[in-house]
PDB file of all heavy atoms in Angstrom:
ATOM      1  N   ARG A   1     224.717  49.144  56.174  1.00  0.00           N
ATOM      2  CA  ARG A   1     224.396  49.350  57.613  1.00  0.00           C
ATOM      3  C   ARG A   1     223.756  50.683  57.817  1.00  0.00           C
ATOM      4  O   ARG A   1     222.785  50.787  58.553  1.00  0.00           O
ATOM      5  CB  ARG A   1     225.688  49.182  58.424  1.00  0.00           C
ATOM      6  CG  ARG A   1     225.467  49.274  59.936  1.00  0.00           C
ATOM      7  CD  ARG A   1     226.724  48.917  60.671  1.00  0.00           C
ATOM      8  NE  ARG A   1     226.585  48.931  62.042  1.00  0.00           N
ATOM      9  CZ  ARG A   1     226.892  49.950  62.860  1.00  0.00           C
ATOM     10  NH1 ARG A   1     227.411  51.056  62.292  1.00  0.00           N
ATOM     11  NH2 ARG A   1     226.645  49.925  64.127  1.00  0.00           N
ATOM     12  N   ASN A   2     224.328  51.745  57.258  1.00  0.00           N
ATOM     13  CA  ASN A   2     223.772  53.080  57.405  1.00  0.00           C
ATOM     14  C   ASN A   2     222.447  53.208  56.805  1.00  0.00           C
ATOM     15  O   ASN A   2     221.558  53.841  57.359  1.00  0.00           O
ATOM     16  CB  ASN A   2     224.767  54.166  56.867  1.00  0.00           C
ATOM     17  CG  ASN A   2     225.980  54.369  57.680  1.00  0.00           C
ATOM     18  OD1 ASN A   2     225.985  53.926  58.842  1.00  0.00           O
ATOM     19  ND2 ASN A   2     227.004  54.901  57.116  1.00  0.00           N
ATOM     20  N   THR A   3     222.231  52.543  55.667  1.00  0.00           N
ATOM     21  CA  THR A   3     220.936  52.614  55.039  1.00  0.00           C
ATOM     22  C   THR A   3     219.881  51.908  55.873  1.00  0.00           C
ATOM     23  O   THR A   3     218.744  52.402  56.043  1.00  0.00           O
ATOM     24  CB  THR A   3     221.017  51.906  53.624  1.00  0.00           C
ATOM     25  OG1 THR A   3     222.121  52.524  52.880  1.00  0.00           O
ATOM     26  CG2 THR A   3     219.729  52.091  52.943  1.00  0.00           C
ATOM     27  N   ARG A   4     220.240  50.815  56.443  1.00  0.00           N
ATOM     28  CA  ARG A   4     219.315  50.057  57.317  1.00  0.00           C
ATOM     29  C   ARG A   4     218.987  50.904  58.553  1.00  0.00           C
ATOM     30  O   ARG A   4     217.857  50.981  59.015  1.00  0.00           O
ATOM     31  CB  ARG A   4     219.894  48.751  57.800  1.00  0.00           C
ATOM     32  CG  ARG A   4     219.640  47.635  56.858  1.00  0.00           C
ATOM     33  CD  ARG A   4     220.068  46.302  57.472  1.00  0.00           C
ATOM     34  NE  ARG A   4     220.742  45.514  56.473  1.00  0.00           N
ATOM     35  CZ  ARG A   4     221.854  44.873  56.600  1.00  0.00           C
ATOM     36  NH1 ARG A   4     222.405  44.860  57.765  1.00  0.00           N
ATOM     37  NH2 ARG A   4     222.336  44.175  55.580  1.00  0.00           N
ATOM     38  N   LYS A   5     220.010  51.545  59.112  1.00  0.00           N
ATOM     39  CA  LYS A   5     219.837  52.344  60.291  1.00  0.00           C
ATOM     40  C   LYS A   5     218.941  53.509  60.015  1.00  0.00           C
ATOM     41  O   LYS A   5     218.035  53.819  60.837  1.00  0.00           O
ATOM     42  CB  LYS A   5     221.226  52.834  60.775  1.00  0.00           C
ATOM     43  CG  LYS A   5     221.213  53.479  62.124  1.00  0.00           C
ATOM     44  CD  LYS A   5     222.699  53.797  62.556  1.00  0.00           C
ATOM     45  CE  LYS A   5     222.674  54.420  63.917  1.00  0.00           C
ATOM     46  NZ  LYS A   5     224.077  54.758  64.318  1.00  0.00           N
ATOM     47  N   LYS A   6     219.144  54.204  58.878  1.00  0.00           N
ATOM     48  CA  LYS A   6     218.263  55.268  58.569  1.00  0.00           C
ATOM     49  C   LYS A   6     216.838  54.845  58.343  1.00  0.00           C
ATOM     50  O   LYS A   6     215.899  55.526  58.732  1.00  0.00           O
ATOM     51  CB  LYS A   6     218.765  55.996  57.288  1.00  0.00           C
ATOM     52  CG  LYS A   6     219.851  56.990  57.499  1.00  0.00           C
ATOM     53  CD  LYS A   6     220.174  57.802  56.299  1.00  0.00           C
ATOM     54  CE  LYS A   6     221.237  58.838  56.543  1.00  0.00           C
ATOM     55  NZ  LYS A   6     221.440  59.653  55.349  1.00  0.00           N
ATOM     56  N   ALA A   7     216.632  53.706  57.638  1.00  0.00           N
ATOM     57  CA  ALA A   7     215.296  53.196  57.398  1.00  0.00           C
ATOM     58  C   ALA A   7     214.684  52.885  58.738  1.00  0.00           C
ATOM     59  O   ALA A   7     213.493  53.147  58.906  1.00  0.00           O
ATOM     60  CB  ALA A   7     215.385  51.960  56.521  1.00  0.00           C
ATOM     61  N   HIS A   8     215.331  52.269  59.632  1.00  0.00           N
ATOM     62  CA  HIS A   8     214.831  51.900  60.978  1.00  0.00           C
ATOM     63  C   HIS A   8     214.428  53.179  61.720  1.00  0.00           C
ATOM     64  O   HIS A   8     213.382  53.248  62.348  1.00  0.00           O
ATOM     65  CB  HIS A   8     215.787  51.081  61.773  1.00  0.00           C
ATOM     66  CG  HIS A   8     215.276  50.769  63.115  1.00  0.00           C
ATOM     67  ND1 HIS A   8     214.252  49.818  63.327  1.00  0.00           N
ATOM     68  CD2 HIS A   8     215.657  51.220  64.318  1.00  0.00           C
ATOM     69  CE1 HIS A   8     214.005  49.754  64.624  1.00  0.00           C
ATOM     70  NE2 HIS A   8     214.828  50.572  65.243  1.00  0.00           N
ATOM     71  N   ASN A   9     215.253  54.200  61.719  1.00  0.00           N
ATOM     72  CA  ASN A   9     215.031  55.433  62.448  1.00  0.00           C
ATOM     73  C   ASN A   9     213.765  56.111  61.822  1.00  0.00           C
ATOM     74  O   ASN A   9     212.971  56.663  62.604  1.00  0.00           O
ATOM     75  CB  ASN A   9     216.206  56.363  62.399  1.00  0.00           C
ATOM     76  CG  ASN A   9     217.333  55.874  63.285  1.00  0.00           C
ATOM     77  OD1 ASN A   9     217.188  55.049  64.146  1.00  0.00           O
ATOM     78  ND2 ASN A   9     218.558  56.369  62.976  1.00  0.00           N
ATOM     79  N   ARG A  10     213.672  56.139  60.507  1.00  0.00           N
ATOM     80  CA  ARG A  10     212.487  56.674  59.861  1.00  0.00           C
ATOM     81  C   ARG A  10     211.221  55.955  60.245  1.00  0.00           C
ATOM     82  O   ARG A  10     210.183  56.572  60.549  1.00  0.00           O
ATOM     83  CB  ARG A  10     212.664  56.626  58.309  1.00  0.00           C
ATOM     84  CG  ARG A  10     212.225  57.867  57.623  1.00  0.00           C
ATOM     85  CD  ARG A  10     212.513  57.891  56.119  1.00  0.00           C
ATOM     86  NE  ARG A  10     213.876  57.686  55.796  1.00  0.00           N
ATOM     87  CZ  ARG A  10     214.395  56.666  55.099  1.00  0.00           C
ATOM     88  NH1 ARG A  10     213.643  55.744  54.642  1.00  0.00           N
ATOM     89  NH2 ARG A  10     215.690  56.585  54.797  1.00  0.00           N
ATOM     90  N   ALA A  11     211.277  54.620  60.303  1.00  0.00           N
ATOM     91  CA  ALA A  11     210.129  53.836  60.688  1.00  0.00           C
ATOM     92  C   ALA A  11     209.739  54.106  62.127  1.00  0.00           C
ATOM     93  O   ALA A  11     208.570  54.159  62.489  1.00  0.00           O
ATOM     94  CB  ALA A  11     210.338  52.328  60.415  1.00  0.00           C
ATOM     95  N   ALA A  12     210.773  54.191  62.930  1.00  0.00           N
ATOM     96  CA  ALA A  12     210.500  54.395  64.403  1.00  0.00           C
ATOM     97  C   ALA A  12     209.898  55.766  64.617  1.00  0.00           C
ATOM     98  O   ALA A  12     208.908  55.921  65.472  1.00  0.00           O
ATOM     99  CB  ALA A  12     211.786  54.289  65.244  1.00  0.00           C
ATOM    100  N   GLN A  13     210.324  56.748  63.948  1.00  0.00           N
ATOM    101  CA  GLN A  13     209.823  58.085  64.011  1.00  0.00           C
ATOM    102  C   GLN A  13     208.297  58.129  63.524  1.00  0.00           C
ATOM    103  O   GLN A  13     207.472  58.736  64.174  1.00  0.00           O
ATOM    104  CB  GLN A  13     210.638  59.078  63.239  1.00  0.00           C
ATOM    105  CG  GLN A  13     210.289  60.522  63.440  1.00  0.00           C
ATOM    106  CD  GLN A  13     211.197  61.391  62.682  1.00  0.00           C
ATOM    107  OE1 GLN A  13     211.781  61.039  61.654  1.00  0.00           O
ATOM    108  NE2 GLN A  13     211.374  62.641  63.151  1.00  0.00           N
ATOM    109  N   GLN A  14     208.089  57.437  62.482  1.00  0.00           N
ATOM    110  CA  GLN A  14     206.723  57.389  61.961  1.00  0.00           C
ATOM    111  C   GLN A  14     205.780  56.628  62.961  1.00  0.00           C
ATOM    112  O   GLN A  14     204.607  57.022  63.075  1.00  0.00           O
ATOM    113  CB  GLN A  14     206.706  56.683  60.583  1.00  0.00           C
ATOM    114  CG  GLN A  14     205.373  56.691  59.906  1.00  0.00           C
ATOM    115  CD  GLN A  14     204.966  58.102  59.442  1.00  0.00           C
ATOM    116  OE1 GLN A  14     205.793  58.951  59.299  1.00  0.00           O
ATOM    117  NE2 GLN A  14     203.672  58.247  59.259  1.00  0.00           N
ATOM    118  N   ALA A  15     206.264  55.610  63.531  1.00  0.00           N
ATOM    119  CA  ALA A  15     205.456  54.735  64.444  1.00  0.00           C
ATOM    120  C   ALA A  15     205.109  55.527  65.677  1.00  0.00           C
ATOM    121  O   ALA A  15     204.054  55.303  66.300  1.00  0.00           O
ATOM    122  CB  ALA A  15     206.182  53.436  64.765  1.00  0.00           C
ATOM    123  N   ARG A  16     205.995  56.422  66.153  1.00  0.00           N
ATOM    124  CA  ARG A  16     205.723  57.121  67.367  1.00  0.00           C
ATOM    125  C   ARG A  16     204.743  58.235  67.224  1.00  0.00           C
ATOM    126  O   ARG A  16     204.259  58.773  68.272  1.00  0.00           O
ATOM    127  CB  ARG A  16     207.071  57.668  67.906  1.00  0.00           C
ATOM    128  CG  ARG A  16     207.896  56.752  68.640  1.00  0.00           C
ATOM    129  CD  ARG A  16     209.095  57.371  69.339  1.00  0.00           C
ATOM    130  NE  ARG A  16     210.226  56.635  68.967  1.00  0.00           N
ATOM    131  CZ  ARG A  16     211.290  57.096  68.257  1.00  0.00           C
ATOM    132  NH1 ARG A  16     211.324  58.361  67.849  1.00  0.00           N
ATOM    133  NH2 ARG A  16     212.288  56.304  67.999  1.00  0.00           N
ATOM    134  N   LYS A  17     204.408  58.625  66.049  1.00  0.00           N
ATOM    135  CA  LYS A  17     203.419  59.706  65.825  1.00  0.00           C
ATOM    136  C   LYS A  17     202.016  59.323  66.365  1.00  0.00           C
ATOM    137  O   LYS A  17     201.603  58.203  66.079  1.00  0.00           O
ATOM    138  CB  LYS A  17     203.352  60.111  64.394  1.00  0.00           C
ATOM    139  CG  LYS A  17     204.518  60.804  63.826  1.00  0.00           C
ATOM    140  CD  LYS A  17     204.296  61.229  62.398  1.00  0.00           C
ATOM    141  CE  LYS A  17     205.558  61.944  61.908  1.00  0.00           C
ATOM    142  NZ  LYS A  17     205.362  62.347  60.489  1.00  0.00           N
ATOM    143  N   LEU A  18     201.461  60.182  67.133  1.00  0.00           N
ATOM    144  CA  LEU A  18     200.167  59.942  67.743  1.00  0.00           C
ATOM    145  C   LEU A  18     199.084  60.448  66.743  1.00  0.00           C
ATOM    146  O   LEU A  18     199.067  61.655  66.432  1.00  0.00           O
ATOM    147  CB  LEU A  18     200.020  60.628  69.054  1.00  0.00           C
ATOM    148  CG  LEU A  18     198.752  60.351  69.794  1.00  0.00           C
ATOM    149  CD1 LEU A  18     198.582  58.891  70.142  1.00  0.00           C
ATOM    150  CD2 LEU A  18     198.636  61.168  71.093  1.00  0.00           C
ATOM    151  N   THR A  19     198.271  59.547  66.248  1.00  0.00           N
ATOM    152  CA  THR A  19     197.184  59.922  65.371  1.00  0.00           C
ATOM    153  C   THR A  19     195.872  59.714  66.089  1.00  0.00           C
ATOM    154  O   THR A  19     195.827  59.022  67.146  1.00  0.00           O
ATOM    155  CB  THR A  19     197.217  59.155  64.051  1.00  0.00           C
ATOM    156  OG1 THR A  19     197.092  57.737  64.349  1.00  0.00           O
ATOM    157  CG2 THR A  19     198.545  59.370  63.330  1.00  0.00           C
ATOM    158  N   GLY A  20     194.788  60.149  65.535  1.00  0.00           N
ATOM    159  CA  GLY A  20     193.449  59.913  66.112  1.00  0.00           C
ATOM    160  C   GLY A  20     193.081  58.505  66.234  1.00  0.00           C
ATOM    161  O   GLY A  20     192.603  58.063  67.247  1.00  0.00           O
ATOM    162  N   GLY A  21     193.387  57.706  65.157  1.00  0.00           N
ATOM    163  CA  GLY A  21     193.054  56.344  65.171  1.00  0.00           C
ATOM    164  C   GLY A  21     193.877  55.514  66.139  1.00  0.00           C
ATOM    165  O   GLY A  21     193.291  54.682  66.872  1.00  0.00           O
ATOM    166  N   LYS A  22     195.149  55.850  66.282  1.00  0.00           N
ATOM    167  CA  LYS A  22     196.004  55.156  67.238  1.00  0.00           C
ATOM    168  C   LYS A  22     195.518  55.472  68.686  1.00  0.00           C
ATOM    169  O   LYS A  22     195.475  54.599  69.545  1.00  0.00           O
ATOM    170  CB  LYS A  22     197.446  55.568  67.085  1.00  0.00           C
ATOM    171  CG  LYS A  22     198.190  54.944  65.967  1.00  0.00           C
ATOM    172  CD  LYS A  22     199.612  55.386  65.971  1.00  0.00           C
ATOM    173  CE  LYS A  22     200.390  54.762  64.839  1.00  0.00           C
ATOM    174  NZ  LYS A  22     201.815  55.190  64.886  1.00  0.00           N
ATOM    175  N   PHE A  23     195.145  56.764  68.919  1.00  0.00           N
ATOM    176  CA  PHE A  23     194.693  57.152  70.242  1.00  0.00           C
ATOM    177  C   PHE A  23     193.463  56.474  70.611  1.00  0.00           C
ATOM    178  O   PHE A  23     193.256  55.961  71.704  1.00  0.00           O
ATOM    179  CB  PHE A  23     194.502  58.650  70.285  1.00  0.00           C
ATOM    180  CG  PHE A  23     194.030  59.184  71.529  1.00  0.00           C
ATOM    181  CD1 PHE A  23     194.898  59.252  72.642  1.00  0.00           C
ATOM    182  CD2 PHE A  23     192.709  59.549  71.718  1.00  0.00           C
ATOM    183  CE1 PHE A  23     194.461  59.738  73.856  1.00  0.00           C
ATOM    184  CE2 PHE A  23     192.243  60.051  72.958  1.00  0.00           C
ATOM    185  CZ  PHE A  23     193.095  60.166  74.008  1.00  0.00           C
ATOM    186  N   LEU A  24     192.496  56.348  69.696  1.00  0.00           N
ATOM    187  CA  LEU A  24     191.189  55.719  69.992  1.00  0.00           C
ATOM    188  C   LEU A  24     191.382  54.196  70.186  1.00  0.00           C
ATOM    189  O   LEU A  24     190.802  53.640  71.146  1.00  0.00           O
ATOM    190  CB  LEU A  24     190.209  55.907  68.791  1.00  0.00           C
ATOM    191  CG  LEU A  24     189.654  57.318  68.696  1.00  0.00           C
ATOM    192  CD1 LEU A  24     188.767  57.408  67.427  1.00  0.00           C
ATOM    193  CD2 LEU A  24     188.848  57.641  69.949  1.00  0.00           C
ATOM    194  N   ARG A  25     192.267  53.544  69.390  1.00  0.00           N
ATOM    195  CA  ARG A  25     192.534  52.168  69.654  1.00  0.00           C
ATOM    196  C   ARG A  25     193.169  51.874  70.986  1.00  0.00           C
ATOM    197  O   ARG A  25     192.881  50.899  71.712  1.00  0.00           O
ATOM    198  CB  ARG A  25     193.358  51.556  68.540  1.00  0.00           C
ATOM    199  CG  ARG A  25     192.647  51.348  67.274  1.00  0.00           C
ATOM    200  CD  ARG A  25     193.445  50.561  66.244  1.00  0.00           C
ATOM    201  NE  ARG A  25     194.552  51.310  65.666  1.00  0.00           N
ATOM    202  CZ  ARG A  25     194.433  52.198  64.693  1.00  0.00           C
ATOM    203  NH1 ARG A  25     193.261  52.442  64.082  1.00  0.00           N
ATOM    204  NH2 ARG A  25     195.495  52.836  64.252  1.00  0.00           N
ATOM    205  N   LEU A  26     194.165  52.780  71.388  1.00  0.00           N
ATOM    206  CA  LEU A  26     194.787  52.700  72.665  1.00  0.00           C
ATOM    207  C   LEU A  26     193.813  52.833  73.784  1.00  0.00           C
ATOM    208  O   LEU A  26     193.841  52.083  74.742  1.00  0.00           O
ATOM    209  CB  LEU A  26     195.916  53.700  72.780  1.00  0.00           C
ATOM    210  CG  LEU A  26     196.679  53.748  74.114  1.00  0.00           C
ATOM    211  CD1 LEU A  26     197.382  52.448  74.363  1.00  0.00           C
ATOM    212  CD2 LEU A  26     197.665  54.881  74.120  1.00  0.00           C
ATOM    213  N   MET A  27     192.903  53.775  73.679  1.00  0.00           N
ATOM    214  CA  MET A  27     191.914  54.016  74.719  1.00  0.00           C
ATOM    215  C   MET A  27     190.907  52.842  74.839  1.00  0.00           C
ATOM    216  O   MET A  27     190.517  52.423  75.878  1.00  0.00           O
ATOM    217  CB  MET A  27     191.089  55.291  74.440  1.00  0.00           C
ATOM    218  CG  MET A  27     191.914  56.539  74.685  1.00  0.00           C
ATOM    219  SD  MET A  27     192.501  56.678  76.434  1.00  0.00           S
ATOM    220  CE  MET A  27     194.240  56.487  76.206  1.00  0.00           C
ATOM    221  N   GLY A  28     190.563  52.294  73.622  1.00  0.00           N
ATOM    222  CA  GLY A  28     189.669  51.100  73.623  1.00  0.00           C
ATOM    223  C   GLY A  28     190.311  49.937  74.320  1.00  0.00           C
ATOM    224  O   GLY A  28     189.671  49.213  75.103  1.00  0.00           O
ATOM    225  N   LYS A  29     191.542  49.652  73.903  1.00  0.00           N
ATOM    226  CA  LYS A  29     192.224  48.512  74.524  1.00  0.00           C
ATOM    227  C   LYS A  29     192.459  48.733  76.018  1.00  0.00           C
ATOM    228  O   LYS A  29     192.240  47.755  76.757  1.00  0.00           O
ATOM    229  CB  LYS A  29     193.665  48.397  73.890  1.00  0.00           C
ATOM    230  CG  LYS A  29     193.686  47.839  72.486  1.00  0.00           C
ATOM    231  CD  LYS A  29     195.099  47.757  72.074  1.00  0.00           C
ATOM    232  CE  LYS A  29     195.301  47.483  70.599  1.00  0.00           C
ATOM    233  NZ  LYS A  29     196.766  47.494  70.237  1.00  0.00           N
ATOM    234  N   SER A  30     192.773  49.933  76.404  1.00  0.00           N
ATOM    235  CA  SER A  30     193.000  50.193  77.832  1.00  0.00           C
ATOM    236  C   SER A  30     191.704  50.034  78.594  1.00  0.00           C
ATOM    237  O   SER A  30     191.664  49.497  79.718  1.00  0.00           O
ATOM    238  CB  SER A  30     193.578  51.581  78.037  1.00  0.00           C
ATOM    239  OG  SER A  30     194.841  51.691  77.444  1.00  0.00           O
ATOM    240  N   ALA A  31     190.607  50.630  78.083  1.00  0.00           N
ATOM    241  CA  ALA A  31     189.337  50.472  78.763  1.00  0.00           C
ATOM    242  C   ALA A  31     188.855  49.029  78.836  1.00  0.00           C
ATOM    243  O   ALA A  31     188.389  48.591  79.917  1.00  0.00           O
ATOM    244  CB  ALA A  31     188.294  51.348  78.049  1.00  0.00           C
ATOM    245  N   GLY A  32     189.059  48.268  77.794  1.00  0.00           N
ATOM    246  CA  GLY A  32     188.655  46.850  77.822  1.00  0.00           C
ATOM    247  C   GLY A  32     189.500  46.088  78.841  1.00  0.00           C
ATOM    248  O   GLY A  32     188.955  45.274  79.657  1.00  0.00           O
ATOM    249  N   LEU A  33     190.816  46.325  78.894  1.00  0.00           N
ATOM    250  CA  LEU A  33     191.652  45.688  79.844  1.00  0.00           C
ATOM    251  C   LEU A  33     191.310  46.062  81.303  1.00  0.00           C
ATOM    252  O   LEU A  33     191.236  45.269  82.173  1.00  0.00           O
ATOM    253  CB  LEU A  33     193.155  46.054  79.555  1.00  0.00           C
ATOM    254  CG  LEU A  33     194.158  45.324  80.509  1.00  0.00           C
ATOM    255  CD1 LEU A  33     194.070  43.816  80.295  1.00  0.00           C
ATOM    256  CD2 LEU A  33     195.527  45.884  80.220  1.00  0.00           C
ATOM    257  N   ALA A  34     190.954  47.394  81.472  1.00  0.00           N
ATOM    258  CA  ALA A  34     190.596  47.795  82.836  1.00  0.00           C
ATOM    259  C   ALA A  34     189.288  47.153  83.349  1.00  0.00           C
ATOM    260  O   ALA A  34     189.160  46.752  84.435  1.00  0.00           O
ATOM    261  CB  ALA A  34     190.457  49.293  82.868  1.00  0.00           C
ATOM    262  N   ILE A  35     188.316  47.012  82.407  1.00  0.00           N
ATOM    263  CA  ILE A  35     187.088  46.333  82.759  1.00  0.00           C
ATOM    264  C   ILE A  35     187.291  44.896  83.068  1.00  0.00           C
ATOM    265  O   ILE A  35     186.795  44.356  84.080  1.00  0.00           O
ATOM    266  CB  ILE A  35     186.086  46.465  81.571  1.00  0.00           C
ATOM    267  CG1 ILE A  35     185.607  47.931  81.497  1.00  0.00           C
ATOM    268  CG2 ILE A  35     184.855  45.548  81.780  1.00  0.00           C
ATOM    269  CD1 ILE A  35     184.789  48.226  80.256  1.00  0.00           C
ATOM    270  N   ILE A  36     188.175  44.174  82.314  1.00  0.00           N
ATOM    271  CA  ILE A  36     188.427  42.740  82.563  1.00  0.00           C
ATOM    272  C   ILE A  36     189.142  42.589  83.877  1.00  0.00           C
ATOM    273  O   ILE A  36     188.808  41.720  84.707  1.00  0.00           O
ATOM    274  CB  ILE A  36     189.218  42.181  81.419  1.00  0.00           C
ATOM    275  CG1 ILE A  36     188.385  42.039  80.183  1.00  0.00           C
ATOM    276  CG2 ILE A  36     189.822  40.793  81.820  1.00  0.00           C
ATOM    277  CD1 ILE A  36     189.167  41.714  78.916  1.00  0.00           C
TER     278      ILE A  36
END
């Protein structure tokens, strides 16, 4: 259980990091949705 919890926390922390690629994809998706 503790091993799973640590692995999940590590994955969540990694997923929350803002990178250039994630930022560009988010802006592209948001702009496309706003246009639609």
